[in-house]
Amino acid sequence: MCIIPGMRYRLAIFDFDGTLADSFPFLLSVFNRIADEHGFRRIDPAHVERLRYFGTREMMRHVGMPAWKLPLAAASFKTLMRENAGQVRLFPQVDHALRELARDRVDLTIVSSNAEDNVRQVLGPELSSLISQYECGMSIFGKTARIRKVLKRAAVTPDAALYIGDQALDAEAARRAGVAFAAVHWGYAPIEVLRKVEPEHEFDVPAALAAIATLRAKRAAQP
């Protein structure tokens, strides 16, 4: 799928954790509890900054988590977040950016491995109502199919959509679906890591997400 230079994005597809919601501190607070529950290695809080440079697969190898345990660990995280949703907040100005995009008639959707009820609880009723589609609860490696599903339901071609995320896996999923990728500076992965996947766009602060309404496609996205 070739993106036509100058075309504006009509559909914004957001990752949730680390992109809209500042859930990383909560993840750190429960990670070792989940590790003990499912039998993989704990992490040392003193090494967290270094671990942010690890990709998802590299992180799984680091803690000795086989792929078959990932769904179990993810389910535990979702349950703990559901029980402690009040500890997770949106990044500052995300609410304003979403309202501005909705006013500018950008179709807002979320594709997240987190549970839909967790996403809605953190967003709150008003912001939740601005989201036209929720595709949630899949494996972190299964976002491509959900992105394609969102495109089909929205009746939008891939060249008119932008996926916004904070990890290299988000870029991989977007590219497989033929969708451009935008990297945020404030999420789990440092922007130096995300630049290696050559995002079409970058956002340095959450308030800048409002600019999606005026962005134009920069280059081709590979399906």
Protein backbone atom coordinates (compact mmCIF):
# COMPACT_ATOMS: atom_id res chain seq x y z
CA MET A 1 0.00 0.00 0.00
CA CYS A 2 1.47 3.33 -1.07
CA ILE A 3 0.64 6.43 0.94
CA ILE A 4 -0.10 9.41 -1.28
CA PRO A 5 2.04 12.37 -0.21
CA GLY A 6 -0.13 15.23 1.03
CA MET A 7 -3.10 13.06 2.01
CA ARG A 8 -4.48 13.86 5.45
CA TYR A 9 -5.13 11.16 7.98
CA ARG A 10 -8.82 10.48 8.58
CA LEU A 11 -8.38 7.70 11.14
CA ALA A 12 -6.20 7.83 14.26
CA ILE A 13 -5.54 4.41 15.80
CA PHE A 14 -4.08 4.66 19.29
CA ASP A 15 -2.17 2.23 21.41
CA PHE A 16 -3.22 2.74 25.02
CA ASP A 17 -0.61 1.84 27.65
CA GLY A 18 2.35 4.18 27.37
CA THR A 19 0.65 6.21 24.65
CA LEU A 20 -2.56 7.58 26.15
CA ALA A 21 -2.24 6.18 29.68
CA ASP A 22 0.73 6.52 32.00
CA SER A 23 0.52 2.90 33.14
CA PHE A 24 4.24 2.10 33.20
CA PRO A 25 4.67 3.01 36.91
CA PHE A 26 1.81 0.66 37.75
CA LEU A 27 3.33 -2.11 35.63
CA LEU A 28 6.60 -1.72 37.53
CA SER A 29 4.77 -1.87 40.85
CA VAL A 30 3.17 -5.24 40.02
CA PHE A 31 5.75 -6.83 37.70
CA ASN A 32 7.60 -8.83 40.34
CA ARG A 33 4.32 -10.04 41.82
CA ILE A 34 3.32 -11.34 38.38
CA ALA A 35 6.79 -12.84 37.91
CA ASP A 36 6.45 -14.78 41.16
CA GLU A 37 2.97 -15.96 40.21
CA HIS A 38 4.01 -17.30 36.82
CA GLY A 39 7.55 -18.41 37.51
CA PHE A 40 9.84 -16.06 35.61
CA ARG A 41 12.59 -13.80 36.87
CA ARG A 42 12.00 -10.61 38.80
CA ILE A 43 13.49 -7.32 37.68
CA ASP A 44 15.68 -5.06 39.76
CA PRO A 45 14.13 -1.56 39.98
CA ALA A 46 17.65 -0.14 39.71
CA HIS A 47 17.91 -1.55 36.18
CA VAL A 48 14.58 -0.30 34.86
CA GLU A 49 16.00 2.53 32.79
CA ARG A 50 18.34 0.14 30.97
CA LEU A 51 15.51 -2.34 30.41
CA ARG A 52 13.47 0.31 28.60
CA TYR A 53 15.90 -0.10 25.71
CA PHE A 54 14.99 -3.78 25.38
CA GLY A 55 12.45 -4.83 22.78
CA THR A 56 9.53 -7.00 23.90
CA ARG A 57 11.10 -10.26 22.74
CA GLU A 58 14.43 -9.29 24.30
CA MET A 59 12.70 -8.45 27.57
CA MET A 60 10.95 -11.82 27.60
CA ARG A 61 14.29 -13.57 27.14
CA HIS A 62 15.83 -11.43 29.87
CA VAL A 63 13.28 -12.52 32.48
CA GLY A 64 13.03 -16.09 31.19
CA MET A 65 9.39 -15.85 30.10
CA PRO A 66 8.50 -18.42 27.41
CA ALA A 67 5.93 -17.32 24.84
CA TRP A 68 3.26 -19.62 26.28
CA LYS A 69 3.37 -17.75 29.59
CA LEU A 70 2.78 -14.35 28.01
CA PRO A 71 -1.04 -14.64 27.88
CA LEU A 72 -1.09 -15.74 31.52
CA ALA A 73 1.10 -12.84 32.64
CA ALA A 74 -0.95 -10.41 30.55
CA ALA A 75 -4.18 -11.66 32.10
CA SER A 76 -2.75 -11.13 35.59
CA PHE A 77 -1.73 -7.59 34.70
CA LYS A 78 -5.21 -6.79 33.34
CA THR A 79 -6.84 -8.15 36.48
CA LEU A 80 -4.56 -6.17 38.77
CA MET A 81 -5.16 -3.01 36.77
CA ARG A 82 -8.92 -3.60 36.92
CA GLU A 83 -8.67 -3.84 40.68
CA ASN A 84 -6.45 -0.75 40.92
CA ALA A 85 -7.59 1.36 37.97
CA GLY A 86 -7.54 4.48 40.10
CA GLN A 87 -3.73 4.29 40.14
CA VAL A 88 -3.50 4.77 36.36
CA ARG A 89 -4.02 8.18 34.78
CA LEU A 90 -3.93 9.58 31.29
CA PHE A 91 -0.83 11.55 30.38
CA PRO A 92 -1.34 15.31 30.83
CA GLN A 93 -3.18 16.97 27.92
CA VAL A 94 -4.24 13.68 26.31
CA ASP A 95 -7.85 14.54 27.15
CA HIS A 96 -7.54 17.92 25.44
CA ALA A 97 -5.91 16.38 22.36
CA LEU A 98 -8.65 13.76 21.98
CA ARG A 99 -11.35 16.41 22.24
CA GLU A 100 -9.62 18.57 19.64
CA LEU A 101 -9.27 15.65 17.23
CA ALA A 102 -12.91 14.73 17.65
CA ARG A 103 -13.92 18.33 16.94
CA ASP A 104 -11.77 18.19 13.80
CA ARG A 105 -13.66 15.03 12.75
CA VAL A 106 -10.74 12.66 12.98
CA ASP A 107 -12.09 9.16 13.62
CA LEU A 108 -10.59 7.98 16.93
CA THR A 109 -10.02 4.28 17.64
CA ILE A 110 -7.98 2.21 20.10
CA VAL A 111 -6.08 -1.01 19.44
CA SER A 112 -4.61 -2.24 22.71
CA SER A 113 -3.61 -5.49 24.35
CA ASN A 114 -5.20 -4.20 27.55
CA ALA A 115 -8.81 -5.05 28.39
CA GLU A 116 -11.52 -2.77 27.02
CA ASP A 117 -13.07 -2.21 30.44
CA ASN A 118 -9.70 -1.06 31.79
CA VAL A 119 -9.26 1.31 28.87
CA ARG A 120 -12.76 2.76 29.31
CA GLN A 121 -12.31 3.15 33.06
CA VAL A 122 -9.12 5.16 32.68
CA LEU A 123 -10.55 7.28 29.87
CA GLY A 124 -13.76 8.00 31.74
CA PRO A 125 -17.26 8.25 30.23
CA GLU A 126 -16.79 11.47 28.26
CA LEU A 127 -13.56 10.52 26.50
CA SER A 128 -14.72 6.93 26.01
CA SER A 129 -17.66 8.24 24.03
CA LEU A 130 -15.26 9.89 21.55
CA ILE A 131 -13.75 6.52 20.58
CA SER A 132 -15.59 4.93 17.67
CA GLN A 133 -13.97 1.49 17.94
CA TYR A 134 -12.23 -0.52 20.64
CA GLU A 135 -10.14 -3.50 19.59
CA CYS A 136 -8.67 -4.72 22.86
CA GLY A 137 -7.44 -7.76 24.71
CA MET A 138 -5.32 -9.37 22.01
CA SER A 139 -1.73 -10.56 22.36
CA ILE A 140 0.84 -7.81 22.04
CA PHE A 141 1.97 -9.71 18.93
CA GLY A 142 -1.53 -9.77 17.44
CA LYS A 143 -2.29 -6.14 16.69
CA THR A 144 -1.99 -6.28 12.90
CA ALA A 145 -5.24 -8.20 12.43
CA ARG A 146 -7.04 -5.80 14.75
CA ILE A 147 -5.73 -2.78 12.86
CA ARG A 148 -7.04 -4.27 9.65
CA LYS A 149 -10.39 -4.90 11.35
CA VAL A 150 -10.59 -1.27 12.44
CA LEU A 151 -9.80 -0.09 8.90
CA LYS A 152 -12.53 -2.28 7.44
CA ARG A 153 -15.17 -1.16 9.91
CA ALA A 154 -14.26 2.49 9.42
CA ALA A 155 -14.30 2.05 5.63
CA VAL A 156 -10.91 3.78 5.52
CA THR A 157 -7.99 2.76 3.32
CA PRO A 158 -4.63 2.17 5.06
CA ASP A 159 -3.13 5.28 3.49
CA ALA A 160 -5.62 7.46 5.37
CA ALA A 161 -4.84 5.96 8.79
CA LEU A 162 -2.12 6.56 11.38
CA TYR A 163 -1.21 4.23 14.24
CA ILE A 164 0.25 5.99 17.29
CA GLY A 165 2.30 3.97 19.76
CA ASP A 166 5.28 3.75 22.09
CA GLN A 167 6.98 0.47 21.15
CA ALA A 168 8.69 -1.04 18.13
CA LEU A 169 6.04 -3.78 18.08
CA ASP A 170 3.46 -1.09 17.38
CA ALA A 171 5.45 0.01 14.35
CA GLU A 172 5.73 -3.60 13.14
CA ALA A 173 1.97 -4.12 13.42
CA ALA A 174 1.19 -0.87 11.64
CA ARG A 175 3.58 -1.55 8.77
CA ARG A 176 2.16 -5.05 8.23
CA ALA A 177 -1.27 -3.47 7.89
CA GLY A 178 0.07 -0.84 5.47
CA VAL A 179 -0.53 1.95 7.96
CA ALA A 180 1.86 4.78 8.83
CA PHE A 181 3.32 4.82 12.34
CA ALA A 182 3.80 7.75 14.73
CA ALA A 183 6.11 7.39 17.73
CA VAL A 184 5.55 9.15 21.04
CA HIS A 185 8.44 10.43 23.13
CA TRP A 186 6.90 9.76 26.54
CA GLY A 187 6.11 6.03 26.48
CA TYR A 188 7.88 2.83 27.47
CA ALA A 189 10.53 2.76 24.74
CA PRO A 190 12.92 5.73 24.47
CA ILE A 191 12.55 7.71 21.27
CA GLU A 192 16.11 6.71 20.28
CA VAL A 193 14.87 3.12 20.05
CA LEU A 194 11.74 4.04 18.13
CA ARG A 195 13.69 6.07 15.59
CA LYS A 196 15.37 2.85 14.49
CA VAL A 197 12.03 1.76 12.99
CA GLU A 198 11.79 5.07 11.09
CA PRO A 199 8.39 6.39 12.19
CA GLU A 200 6.58 8.59 9.71
CA HIS A 201 5.85 11.07 12.51
CA GLU A 202 6.92 11.84 16.09
CA PHE A 203 5.09 13.54 18.92
CA ASP A 204 7.25 15.11 21.62
CA VAL A 205 4.50 15.91 24.13
CA PRO A 206 0.96 14.52 24.55
CA ALA A 207 -0.67 17.82 23.65
CA ALA A 208 0.93 17.55 20.20
CA LEU A 209 -1.39 14.64 19.37
CA ALA A 210 -3.97 17.26 18.42
CA ALA A 211 -1.85 17.97 15.35
CA ILE A 212 -2.90 14.66 13.78
CA ALA A 213 -5.84 16.54 12.27
CA THR A 214 -3.47 18.59 10.11
CA LEU A 215 -0.70 16.06 9.44
CA ARG A 216 -0.09 14.88 5.91
CA ALA A 217 1.40 11.55 4.92
CA LYS A 218 5.16 11.65 4.40
CA ARG A 219 6.11 8.46 2.60
CA ALA A 220 5.07 4.98 1.62
CA ALA A 221 4.12 2.41 4.24
CA GLN A 222 4.97 -1.21 3.56
CA PRO A 223 2.06 -3.65 4.06
